[in-house]
Every structure is written in structure tokens, then in C-alpha cells.
Amino acid sequence: MNTHDIMTGLLLDETALTLEELACACAVEPTWIIQRVEAGLLGNAAAAQGEWRFASAELVRARRLVALERDFDANEELAALVADLIEEVQRLRAQLRVARG
């Protein structure tokens, strides 16, 4: 990127996405999201004015679950377990970076 290029983006807040927006961003049906939320595999949805709202972090997790289920033909519980392990490794690596200064 040269010094004159401008990068733009949208900062998502903690309850940025509706059920439909999350489903669209993951290229799945809303029922896919609902099933994983009800099974406890996809984070907590906050109810705002009668509709579910999802934190931006849930977009990353939902996309990861979709990819694991699709690419490895994993069932939803196995995909969630693998996602949990990936997230834990990322947290531990971040703690190591902080500890190393």
C-alpha cells in the first residue's frame, strides 16, 4: 500500500449484526444460526427491540463454524469444539506476546 492509499472499513460494535445480517455474511440461512445459538454452539444473542443482535466476534466464530462444517464435513458439535480450540490457542498466543513484552 502506498502512502496515498486510504483504507476504509466499518467498525462493528458489540451488538452490531441482526440475525439476517449474520446469516447473510456467513452465506447461510437464518435457521442455521438459530440452530447453533439454541444448541449453545454460537454465542449469546442479545435481544434488542424484539430481534436478535450479535456481537462482531460472533461473525468470526460463525464463519469459522461454517467453514469447518463445509470443508471437513464436520457435524455442528465437532465444528464448535474445533472452533473453541482455535480460539483458545489464539488467546494463549496473545498472552505470550504480552508476557514477552
PDB file of N, CA and C in Angstrom:
ATOM      1  N   MET A   1       0.851  -1.168   0.000  1.00  0.00           N
ATOM      2  CA  MET A   1       0.000   0.000   0.000  1.00  0.00           C
ATOM      3  C   MET A   1       0.898   1.232   0.000  1.00  0.00           C
ATOM      4  N   ASN A   2       0.617   2.168  -0.888  1.00  0.00           N
ATOM      5  CA  ASN A   2       1.453   3.361  -0.866  1.00  0.00           C
ATOM      6  C   ASN A   2       0.865   4.366   0.116  1.00  0.00           C
ATOM      7  N   THR A   3       1.608   5.385   0.401  1.00  0.00           N
ATOM      8  CA  THR A   3       1.219   6.336   1.444  1.00  0.00           C
ATOM      9  C   THR A   3      -0.019   7.148   1.107  1.00  0.00           C
ATOM     10  N   HIS A   4      -0.434   7.140  -0.145  1.00  0.00           N
ATOM     11  CA  HIS A   4      -1.606   7.914  -0.545  1.00  0.00           C
ATOM     12  C   HIS A   4      -2.893   7.080  -0.567  1.00  0.00           C
ATOM     13  N   ASP A   5      -2.743   5.768  -0.407  1.00  0.00           N
ATOM     14  CA  ASP A   5      -3.926   4.901  -0.377  1.00  0.00           C
ATOM     15  C   ASP A   5      -4.650   5.090   0.952  1.00  0.00           C
ATOM     16  N   ILE A   6      -5.949   5.034   0.888  1.00  0.00           N
ATOM     17  CA  ILE A   6      -6.761   5.167   2.088  1.00  0.00           C
ATOM     18  C   ILE A   6      -7.544   3.882   2.264  1.00  0.00           C
ATOM     19  N   MET A   7      -7.459   3.332   3.449  1.00  0.00           N
ATOM     20  CA  MET A   7      -8.202   2.127   3.746  1.00  0.00           C
ATOM     21  C   MET A   7      -9.450   2.520   4.523  1.00  0.00           C
ATOM     22  N   THR A   8     -10.570   2.003   4.097  1.00  0.00           N
ATOM     23  CA  THR A   8     -11.808   2.299   4.803  1.00  0.00           C
ATOM     24  C   THR A   8     -12.404   1.002   5.314  1.00  0.00           C
ATOM     25  N   GLY A   9     -13.226   1.115   6.327  1.00  0.00           N
ATOM     26  CA  GLY A   9     -13.885  -0.054   6.894  1.00  0.00           C
ATOM     27  C   GLY A   9     -14.995   0.395   7.809  1.00  0.00           C
ATOM     28  N   LEU A  10     -15.693  -0.569   8.318  1.00  0.00           N
ATOM     29  CA  LEU A  10     -16.793  -0.301   9.220  1.00  0.00           C
ATOM     30  C   LEU A  10     -16.462  -0.926  10.558  1.00  0.00           C
ATOM     31  N   LEU A  11     -16.475  -0.140  11.599  1.00  0.00           N
ATOM     32  CA  LEU A  11     -16.232  -0.635  12.938  1.00  0.00           C
ATOM     33  C   LEU A  11     -17.542  -1.167  13.487  1.00  0.00           C
ATOM     34  N   LEU A  12     -17.532  -2.426  13.873  1.00  0.00           N
ATOM     35  CA  LEU A  12     -18.739  -3.045  14.400  1.00  0.00           C
ATOM     36  C   LEU A  12     -18.728  -2.960  15.909  1.00  0.00           C
ATOM     37  N   ASP A  13     -19.859  -2.588  16.475  1.00  0.00           N
ATOM     38  CA  ASP A  13     -19.927  -2.531  17.924  1.00  0.00           C
ATOM     39  C   ASP A  13     -20.315  -3.896  18.473  1.00  0.00           C
ATOM     40  N   GLU A  14     -20.550  -3.968  19.764  1.00  0.00           N
ATOM     41  CA  GLU A  14     -20.789  -5.248  20.409  1.00  0.00           C
ATOM     42  C   GLU A  14     -22.098  -5.914  20.024  1.00  0.00           C
ATOM     43  N   THR A  15     -23.060  -5.192  19.555  1.00  0.00           N
ATOM     44  CA  THR A  15     -24.309  -5.792  19.105  1.00  0.00           C
ATOM     45  C   THR A  15     -24.660  -5.247  17.734  1.00  0.00           C
ATOM     46  N   ALA A  16     -23.774  -5.470  16.800  1.00  0.00           N
ATOM     47  CA  ALA A  16     -23.870  -4.815  15.508  1.00  0.00           C
ATOM     48  C   ALA A  16     -24.743  -5.529  14.490  1.00  0.00           C
ATOM     49  N   LEU A  17     -24.866  -6.839  14.571  1.00  0.00           N
ATOM     50  CA  LEU A  17     -25.477  -7.593  13.488  1.00  0.00           C
ATOM     51  C   LEU A  17     -26.821  -8.195  13.880  1.00  0.00           C
ATOM     52  N   THR A  18     -27.778  -8.095  12.975  1.00  0.00           N
ATOM     53  CA  THR A  18     -29.049  -8.785  13.178  1.00  0.00           C
ATOM     54  C   THR A  18     -28.877 -10.243  12.759  1.00  0.00           C
ATOM     55  N   LEU A  19     -29.861 -11.041  13.075  1.00  0.00           N
ATOM     56  CA  LEU A  19     -29.851 -12.445  12.666  1.00  0.00           C
ATOM     57  C   LEU A  19     -29.709 -12.560  11.155  1.00  0.00           C
ATOM     58  N   GLU A  20     -30.464 -11.787  10.430  1.00  0.00           N
ATOM     59  CA  GLU A  20     -30.430 -11.848   8.971  1.00  0.00           C
ATOM     60  C   GLU A  20     -29.084 -11.382   8.417  1.00  0.00           C
ATOM     61  N   GLU A  21     -28.520 -10.338   9.020  1.00  0.00           N
ATOM     62  CA  GLU A  21     -27.208  -9.842   8.567  1.00  0.00           C
ATOM     63  C   GLU A  21     -26.110 -10.863   8.832  1.00  0.00           C
ATOM     64  N   LEU A  22     -26.157 -11.494   9.996  1.00  0.00           N
ATOM     65  CA  LEU A  22     -25.155 -12.511  10.318  1.00  0.00           C
ATOM     66  C   LEU A  22     -25.284 -13.688   9.362  1.00  0.00           C
ATOM     67  N   ALA A  23     -26.499 -14.135   9.114  1.00  0.00           N
ATOM     68  CA  ALA A  23     -26.717 -15.247   8.186  1.00  0.00           C
ATOM     69  C   ALA A  23     -26.218 -14.900   6.791  1.00  0.00           C
ATOM     70  N   CYS A  24     -26.526 -13.701   6.337  1.00  0.00           N
ATOM     71  CA  CYS A  24     -26.085 -13.256   5.014  1.00  0.00           C
ATOM     72  C   CYS A  24     -24.557 -13.195   4.935  1.00  0.00           C
ATOM     73  N   ALA A  25     -23.927 -12.655   5.966  1.00  0.00           N
ATOM     74  CA  ALA A  25     -22.467 -12.531   5.986  1.00  0.00           C
ATOM     75  C   ALA A  25     -21.773 -13.890   5.992  1.00  0.00           C
ATOM     76  N   CYS A  26     -22.488 -14.914   6.461  1.00  0.00           N
ATOM     77  CA  CYS A  26     -21.930 -16.269   6.514  1.00  0.00           C
ATOM     78  C   CYS A  26     -22.424 -17.146   5.371  1.00  0.00           C
ATOM     79  N   ALA A  27     -23.295 -16.597   4.530  1.00  0.00           N
ATOM     80  CA  ALA A  27     -23.874 -17.326   3.396  1.00  0.00           C
ATOM     81  C   ALA A  27     -24.624 -18.573   3.859  1.00  0.00           C
ATOM     82  N   VAL A  28     -25.403 -18.412   4.930  1.00  0.00           N
ATOM     83  CA  VAL A  28     -26.251 -19.497   5.438  1.00  0.00           C
ATOM     84  C   VAL A  28     -27.650 -18.950   5.658  1.00  0.00           C
ATOM     85  N   GLU A  29     -28.575 -19.851   5.869  1.00  0.00           N
ATOM     86  CA  GLU A  29     -29.941 -19.465   6.190  1.00  0.00           C
ATOM     87  C   GLU A  29     -30.015 -19.039   7.659  1.00  0.00           C
ATOM     88  N   PRO A  30     -30.915 -18.147   8.012  1.00  0.00           N
ATOM     89  CA  PRO A  30     -31.087 -17.769   9.412  1.00  0.00           C
ATOM     90  C   PRO A  30     -31.348 -18.967  10.333  1.00  0.00           C
ATOM     91  N   THR A  31     -32.001 -19.997   9.813  1.00  0.00           N
ATOM     92  CA  THR A  31     -32.257 -21.181  10.642  1.00  0.00           C
ATOM     93  C   THR A  31     -30.966 -21.855  11.071  1.00  0.00           C
ATOM     94  N   TRP A  32     -29.915 -21.781  10.249  1.00  0.00           N
ATOM     95  CA  TRP A  32     -28.608 -22.338  10.607  1.00  0.00           C
ATOM     96  C   TRP A  32     -28.083 -21.625  11.857  1.00  0.00           C
ATOM     97  N   ILE A  33     -28.181 -20.297  11.862  1.00  0.00           N
ATOM     98  CA  ILE A  33     -27.731 -19.508  13.015  1.00  0.00           C
ATOM     99  C   ILE A  33     -28.575 -19.865  14.240  1.00  0.00           C
ATOM    100  N   ILE A  34     -29.877 -19.890  14.083  1.00  0.00           N
ATOM    101  CA  ILE A  34     -30.778 -20.179  15.205  1.00  0.00           C
ATOM    102  C   ILE A  34     -30.474 -21.536  15.818  1.00  0.00           C
ATOM    103  N   GLN A  35     -30.249 -22.543  14.993  1.00  0.00           N
ATOM    104  CA  GLN A  35     -29.945 -23.881  15.491  1.00  0.00           C
ATOM    105  C   GLN A  35     -28.678 -23.892  16.341  1.00  0.00           C
ATOM    106  N   ARG A  36     -27.648 -23.183  15.900  1.00  0.00           N
ATOM    107  CA  ARG A  36     -26.387 -23.180  16.648  1.00  0.00           C
ATOM    108  C   ARG A  36     -26.492 -22.357  17.930  1.00  0.00           C
ATOM    109  N   VAL A  37     -27.274 -21.286  17.906  1.00  0.00           N
ATOM    110  CA  VAL A  37     -27.482 -20.496  19.123  1.00  0.00           C
ATOM    111  C   VAL A  37     -28.252 -21.329  20.140  1.00  0.00           C
ATOM    112  N   GLU A  38     -29.317 -21.976  19.699  1.00  0.00           N
ATOM    113  CA  GLU A  38     -30.130 -22.781  20.608  1.00  0.00           C
ATOM    114  C   GLU A  38     -29.359 -23.970  21.171  1.00  0.00           C
ATOM    115  N   ALA A  39     -28.395 -24.494  20.401  1.00  0.00           N
ATOM    116  CA  ALA A  39     -27.569 -25.608  20.863  1.00  0.00           C
ATOM    117  C   ALA A  39     -26.420 -25.123  21.744  1.00  0.00           C
ATOM    118  N   GLY A  40     -26.243 -23.797  21.876  1.00  0.00           N
ATOM    119  CA  GLY A  40     -25.165 -23.245  22.686  1.00  0.00           C
ATOM    120  C   GLY A  40     -23.811 -23.263  22.001  1.00  0.00           C
ATOM    121  N   LEU A  41     -23.797 -23.416  20.689  1.00  0.00           N
ATOM    122  CA  LEU A  41     -22.549 -23.511  19.935  1.00  0.00           C
ATOM    123  C   LEU A  41     -22.090 -22.182  19.368  1.00  0.00           C
ATOM    124  N   LEU A  42     -23.006 -21.265  19.278  1.00  0.00           N
ATOM    125  CA  LEU A  42     -22.710 -19.928  18.777  1.00  0.00           C
ATOM    126  C   LEU A  42     -23.170 -18.966  19.844  1.00  0.00           C
ATOM    127  N   GLY A  43     -22.334 -17.992  20.142  1.00  0.00           N
ATOM    128  CA  GLY A  43     -22.509 -17.101  21.270  1.00  0.00           C
ATOM    129  C   GLY A  43     -23.891 -16.578  21.563  1.00  0.00           C
ATOM    130  N   ASN A  44     -23.943 -15.837  22.583  1.00  0.00           N
ATOM    131  CA  ASN A  44     -25.201 -15.288  23.066  1.00  0.00           C
ATOM    132  C   ASN A  44     -25.668 -14.158  22.164  1.00  0.00           C
ATOM    133  N   ALA A  45     -26.898 -14.255  21.790  1.00  0.00           N
ATOM    134  CA  ALA A  45     -27.515 -13.181  21.024  1.00  0.00           C
ATOM    135  C   ALA A  45     -28.213 -12.261  22.008  1.00  0.00           C
ATOM    136  N   ALA A  46     -28.012 -10.996  21.847  1.00  0.00           N
ATOM    137  CA  ALA A  46     -28.684 -10.017  22.701  1.00  0.00           C
ATOM    138  C   ALA A  46     -29.994  -9.621  22.046  1.00  0.00           C
ATOM    139  N   ALA A  47     -31.048  -9.622  22.801  1.00  0.00           N
ATOM    140  CA  ALA A  47     -32.348  -9.221  22.261  1.00  0.00           C
ATOM    141  C   ALA A  47     -32.473  -7.710  22.353  1.00  0.00           C
ATOM    142  N   ALA A  48     -32.677  -7.083  21.222  1.00  0.00           N
ATOM    143  CA  ALA A  48     -32.838  -5.630  21.172  1.00  0.00           C
ATOM    144  C   ALA A  48     -34.122  -5.340  20.404  1.00  0.00           C
ATOM    145  N   GLN A  49     -35.102  -4.802  21.080  1.00  0.00           N
ATOM    146  CA  GLN A  49     -36.381  -4.445  20.471  1.00  0.00           C
ATOM    147  C   GLN A  49     -37.004  -5.634  19.741  1.00  0.00           C
ATOM    148  N   GLY A  50     -36.945  -6.792  20.392  1.00  0.00           N
ATOM    149  CA  GLY A  50     -37.585  -7.973  19.835  1.00  0.00           C
ATOM    150  C   GLY A  50     -36.814  -8.694  18.750  1.00  0.00           C
ATOM    151  N   GLU A  51     -35.600  -8.295  18.458  1.00  0.00           N
ATOM    152  CA  GLU A  51     -34.822  -9.017  17.454  1.00  0.00           C
ATOM    153  C   GLU A  51     -33.434  -9.331  17.998  1.00  0.00           C
ATOM    154  N   TRP A  52     -32.887 -10.434  17.549  1.00  0.00           N
ATOM    155  CA  TRP A  52     -31.555 -10.841  17.993  1.00  0.00           C
ATOM    156  C   TRP A  52     -30.509  -9.920  17.394  1.00  0.00           C
ATOM    157  N   ARG A  53     -29.505  -9.609  18.215  1.00  0.00           N
ATOM    158  CA  ARG A  53     -28.347  -8.834  17.759  1.00  0.00           C
ATOM    159  C   ARG A  53     -27.106  -9.626  18.167  1.00  0.00           C
ATOM    160  N   PHE A  54     -26.123  -9.635  17.302  1.00  0.00           N
ATOM    161  CA  PHE A  54     -24.918 -10.426  17.534  1.00  0.00           C
ATOM    162  C   PHE A  54     -23.693  -9.526  17.586  1.00  0.00           C
ATOM    163  N   ALA A  55     -22.792  -9.860  18.482  1.00  0.00           N
ATOM    164  CA  ALA A  55     -21.517  -9.154  18.588  1.00  0.00           C
ATOM    165  C   ALA A  55     -20.675  -9.448  17.349  1.00  0.00           C
ATOM    166  N   SER A  56     -19.808  -8.525  17.021  1.00  0.00           N
ATOM    167  CA  SER A  56     -18.957  -8.703  15.846  1.00  0.00           C
ATOM    168  C   SER A  56     -18.084  -9.944  15.972  1.00  0.00           C
ATOM    169  N   ALA A  57     -17.699 -10.321  17.194  1.00  0.00           N
ATOM    170  CA  ALA A  57     -16.897 -11.533  17.384  1.00  0.00           C
ATOM    171  C   ALA A  57     -17.656 -12.779  16.946  1.00  0.00           C
ATOM    172  N   GLU A  58     -18.970 -12.741  17.024  1.00  0.00           N
ATOM    173  CA  GLU A  58     -19.767 -13.884  16.606  1.00  0.00           C
ATOM    174  C   GLU A  58     -19.721 -14.094  15.097  1.00  0.00           C
ATOM    175  N   LEU A  59     -19.468 -13.030  14.356  1.00  0.00           N
ATOM    176  CA  LEU A  59     -19.308 -13.172  12.908  1.00  0.00           C
ATOM    177  C   LEU A  59     -18.099 -14.052  12.607  1.00  0.00           C
ATOM    178  N   VAL A  60     -16.998 -13.803  13.293  1.00  0.00           N
ATOM    179  CA  VAL A  60     -15.783 -14.596  13.091  1.00  0.00           C
ATOM    180  C   VAL A  60     -16.052 -16.054  13.446  1.00  0.00           C
ATOM    181  N   ARG A  61     -16.679 -16.281  14.607  1.00  0.00           N
ATOM    182  CA  ARG A  61     -16.958 -17.650  15.043  1.00  0.00           C
ATOM    183  C   ARG A  61     -17.934 -18.338  14.082  1.00  0.00           C
ATOM    184  N   ALA A  62     -18.983 -17.648  13.678  1.00  0.00           N
ATOM    185  CA  ALA A  62     -19.961 -18.257  12.781  1.00  0.00           C
ATOM    186  C   ALA A  62     -19.313 -18.635  11.447  1.00  0.00           C
ATOM    187  N   ARG A  63     -18.488 -17.753  10.918  1.00  0.00           N
ATOM    188  CA  ARG A  63     -17.803 -18.075   9.657  1.00  0.00           C
ATOM    189  C   ARG A  63     -16.863 -19.266   9.834  1.00  0.00           C
ATOM    190  N   ARG A  64     -16.216 -19.341  10.982  1.00  0.00           N
ATOM    191  CA  ARG A  64     -15.334 -20.473  11.266  1.00  0.00           C
ATOM    192  C   ARG A  64     -16.154 -21.766  11.330  1.00  0.00           C
ATOM    193  N   LEU A  65     -17.296 -21.728  12.003  1.00  0.00           N
ATOM    194  CA  LEU A  65     -18.150 -22.915  12.094  1.00  0.00           C
ATOM    195  C   LEU A  65     -18.626 -23.351  10.707  1.00  0.00           C
ATOM    196  N   VAL A  66     -19.049 -22.397   9.904  1.00  0.00           N
ATOM    197  CA  VAL A  66     -19.497 -22.709   8.540  1.00  0.00           C
ATOM    198  C   VAL A  66     -18.381 -23.399   7.766  1.00  0.00           C
ATOM    199  N   ALA A  67     -17.181 -22.838   7.834  1.00  0.00           N
ATOM    200  CA  ALA A  67     -16.052 -23.400   7.088  1.00  0.00           C
ATOM    201  C   ALA A  67     -15.701 -24.802   7.572  1.00  0.00           C
ATOM    202  N   LEU A  68     -15.685 -24.997   8.882  1.00  0.00           N
ATOM    203  CA  LEU A  68     -15.351 -26.321   9.418  1.00  0.00           C
ATOM    204  C   LEU A  68     -16.397 -27.359   9.017  1.00  0.00           C
ATOM    205  N   GLU A  69     -17.652 -26.985   9.117  1.00  0.00           N
ATOM    206  CA  GLU A  69     -18.715 -27.919   8.730  1.00  0.00           C
ATOM    207  C   GLU A  69     -18.648 -28.234   7.242  1.00  0.00           C
ATOM    208  N   ARG A  70     -18.405 -27.225   6.437  1.00  0.00           N
ATOM    209  CA  ARG A  70     -18.380 -27.402   4.986  1.00  0.00           C
ATOM    210  C   ARG A  70     -17.101 -28.108   4.520  1.00  0.00           C
ATOM    211  N   ASP A  71     -15.950 -27.606   4.926  1.00  0.00           N
ATOM    212  CA  ASP A  71     -14.682 -28.107   4.396  1.00  0.00           C
ATOM    213  C   ASP A  71     -14.307 -29.489   4.915  1.00  0.00           C
ATOM    214  N   PHE A  72     -14.694 -29.785   6.150  1.00  0.00           N
ATOM    215  CA  PHE A  72     -14.317 -31.063   6.753  1.00  0.00           C
ATOM    216  C   PHE A  72     -15.515 -31.972   6.987  1.00  0.00           C
ATOM    217  N   ASP A  73     -16.668 -31.565   6.487  1.00  0.00           N
ATOM    218  CA  ASP A  73     -17.899 -32.329   6.660  1.00  0.00           C
ATOM    219  C   ASP A  73     -18.104 -32.680   8.133  1.00  0.00           C
ATOM    220  N   ALA A  74     -17.792 -31.727   8.994  1.00  0.00           N
ATOM    221  CA  ALA A  74     -17.906 -31.928  10.444  1.00  0.00           C
ATOM    222  C   ALA A  74     -19.337 -31.675  10.881  1.00  0.00           C
ATOM    223  N   ASN A  75     -19.773 -32.436  11.876  1.00  0.00           N
ATOM    224  CA  ASN A  75     -21.082 -32.121  12.437  1.00  0.00           C
ATOM    225  C   ASN A  75     -20.940 -30.857  13.278  1.00  0.00           C
ATOM    226  N   GLU A  76     -22.070 -30.286  13.684  1.00  0.00           N
ATOM    227  CA  GLU A  76     -22.015 -28.976  14.343  1.00  0.00           C
ATOM    228  C   GLU A  76     -21.283 -29.007  15.677  1.00  0.00           C
ATOM    229  N   GLU A  77     -21.378 -30.108  16.431  1.00  0.00           N
ATOM    230  CA  GLU A  77     -20.683 -30.183  17.722  1.00  0.00           C
ATOM    231  C   GLU A  77     -19.171 -30.267  17.536  1.00  0.00           C
ATOM    232  N   LEU A  78     -18.716 -31.056  16.572  1.00  0.00           N
ATOM    233  CA  LEU A  78     -17.283 -31.164  16.307  1.00  0.00           C
ATOM    234  C   LEU A  78     -16.729 -29.837  15.802  1.00  0.00           C
ATOM    235  N   ALA A  79     -17.467 -29.176  14.924  1.00  0.00           N
ATOM    236  CA  ALA A  79     -17.024 -27.875  14.414  1.00  0.00           C
ATOM    237  C   ALA A  79     -16.886 -26.880  15.564  1.00  0.00           C
ATOM    238  N   ALA A  80     -17.833 -26.892  16.502  1.00  0.00           N
ATOM    239  CA  ALA A  80     -17.765 -25.981  17.651  1.00  0.00           C
ATOM    240  C   ALA A  80     -16.574 -26.307  18.544  1.00  0.00           C
ATOM    241  N   LEU A  81     -16.290 -27.589  18.747  1.00  0.00           N
ATOM    242  CA  LEU A  81     -15.129 -27.984  19.561  1.00  0.00           C
ATOM    243  C   LEU A  81     -13.836 -27.496  18.919  1.00  0.00           C
ATOM    244  N   VAL A  82     -13.699 -27.684  17.622  1.00  0.00           N
ATOM    245  CA  VAL A  82     -12.501 -27.222  16.914  1.00  0.00           C
ATOM    246  C   VAL A  82     -12.397 -25.699  16.988  1.00  0.00           C
ATOM    247  N   ALA A  83     -13.517 -25.012  16.820  1.00  0.00           N
ATOM    248  CA  ALA A  83     -13.517 -23.544  16.928  1.00  0.00           C
ATOM    249  C   ALA A  83     -13.088 -23.110  18.319  1.00  0.00           C
ATOM    250  N   ASP A  84     -13.588 -23.789  19.349  1.00  0.00           N
ATOM    251  CA  ASP A  84     -13.176 -23.477  20.727  1.00  0.00           C
ATOM    252  C   ASP A  84     -11.668 -23.632  20.893  1.00  0.00           C
ATOM    253  N   LEU A  85     -11.112 -24.703  20.357  1.00  0.00           N
ATOM    254  CA  LEU A  85      -9.670 -24.945  20.473  1.00  0.00           C
ATOM    255  C   LEU A  85      -8.866 -23.884  19.725  1.00  0.00           C
ATOM    256  N   ILE A  86      -9.320 -23.512  18.549  1.00  0.00           N
ATOM    257  CA  ILE A  86      -8.635 -22.458  17.784  1.00  0.00           C
ATOM    258  C   ILE A  86      -8.648 -21.150  18.569  1.00  0.00           C
ATOM    259  N   GLU A  87      -9.813 -20.806  19.128  1.00  0.00           N
ATOM    260  CA  GLU A  87      -9.930 -19.573  19.904  1.00  0.00           C
ATOM    261  C   GLU A  87      -9.042 -19.609  21.144  1.00  0.00           C
ATOM    262  N   GLU A  88      -8.941 -20.757  21.796  1.00  0.00           N
ATOM    263  CA  GLU A  88      -8.084 -20.883  22.980  1.00  0.00           C
ATOM    264  C   GLU A  88      -6.614 -20.726  22.609  1.00  0.00           C
ATOM    265  N   VAL A  89      -6.188 -21.322  21.522  1.00  0.00           N
ATOM    266  CA  VAL A  89      -4.806 -21.168  21.053  1.00  0.00           C
ATOM    267  C   VAL A  89      -4.520 -19.697  20.766  1.00  0.00           C
ATOM    268  N   GLN A  90      -5.468 -19.001  20.135  1.00  0.00           N
ATOM    269  CA  GLN A  90      -5.274 -17.577  19.854  1.00  0.00           C
ATOM    270  C   GLN A  90      -5.144 -16.769  21.143  1.00  0.00           C
ATOM    271  N   ARG A  91      -5.977 -17.088  22.153  1.00  0.00           N
ATOM    272  CA  ARG A  91      -5.881 -16.384  23.438  1.00  0.00           C
ATOM    273  C   ARG A  91      -4.531 -16.635  24.106  1.00  0.00           C
ATOM    274  N   LEU A  92      -4.085 -17.876  24.083  1.00  0.00           N
ATOM    275  CA  LEU A  92      -2.802 -18.210  24.708  1.00  0.00           C
ATOM    276  C   LEU A  92      -1.639 -17.533  23.990  1.00  0.00           C
ATOM    277  N   ARG A  93      -1.691 -17.484  22.687  1.00  0.00           N
ATOM    278  CA  ARG A  93      -0.633 -16.804  21.914  1.00  0.00           C
ATOM    279  C   ARG A  93      -0.616 -15.318  22.238  1.00  0.00           C
ATOM    280  N   ALA A  94      -1.783 -14.715  22.379  1.00  0.00           N
ATOM    281  CA  ALA A  94      -1.861 -13.294  22.737  1.00  0.00           C
ATOM    282  C   ALA A  94      -1.265 -13.070  24.118  1.00  0.00           C
ATOM    283  N   GLN A  95      -1.550 -13.956  25.058  1.00  0.00           N
ATOM    284  CA  GLN A  95      -0.975 -13.822  26.412  1.00  0.00           C
ATOM    285  C   GLN A  95       0.542 -13.948  26.367  1.00  0.00           C
ATOM    286  N   LEU A  96       1.057 -14.835  25.544  1.00  0.00           N
ATOM    287  CA  LEU A  96       2.507 -14.966  25.416  1.00  0.00           C
ATOM    288  C   LEU A  96       3.138 -13.714  24.846  1.00  0.00           C
ATOM    289  N   ARG A  97       2.490 -13.130  23.845  1.00  0.00           N
ATOM    290  CA  ARG A  97       3.017 -11.890  23.261  1.00  0.00           C
ATOM    291  C   ARG A  97       3.076 -10.788  24.307  1.00  0.00           C
ATOM    292  N   VAL A  98       2.042 -10.672  25.121  1.00  0.00           N
ATOM    293  CA  VAL A  98       2.014  -9.660  26.180  1.00  0.00           C
ATOM    294  C   VAL A  98       3.100  -9.929  27.212  1.00  0.00           C
ATOM    295  N   ALA A  99       3.240 -11.186  27.592  1.00  0.00           N
ATOM    296  CA  ALA A  99       4.230 -11.560  28.616  1.00  0.00           C
ATOM    297  C   ALA A  99       5.653 -11.315  28.132  1.00  0.00           C
ATOM    298  N   ARG A 100       5.883 -11.480  26.838  1.00  0.00           N
ATOM    299  CA  ARG A 100       7.219 -11.263  26.281  1.00  0.00           C
ATOM    300  C   ARG A 100       7.527  -9.789  26.091  1.00  0.00           C
ATOM    301  N   GLY A 101       6.469  -8.977  26.160  1.00  0.00           N
ATOM    302  CA  GLY A 101       6.638  -7.536  26.112  1.00  0.00           C
ATOM    303  C   GLY A 101       6.856  -7.017  24.773  1.00  0.00           C
TER     304      GLY A 101
END
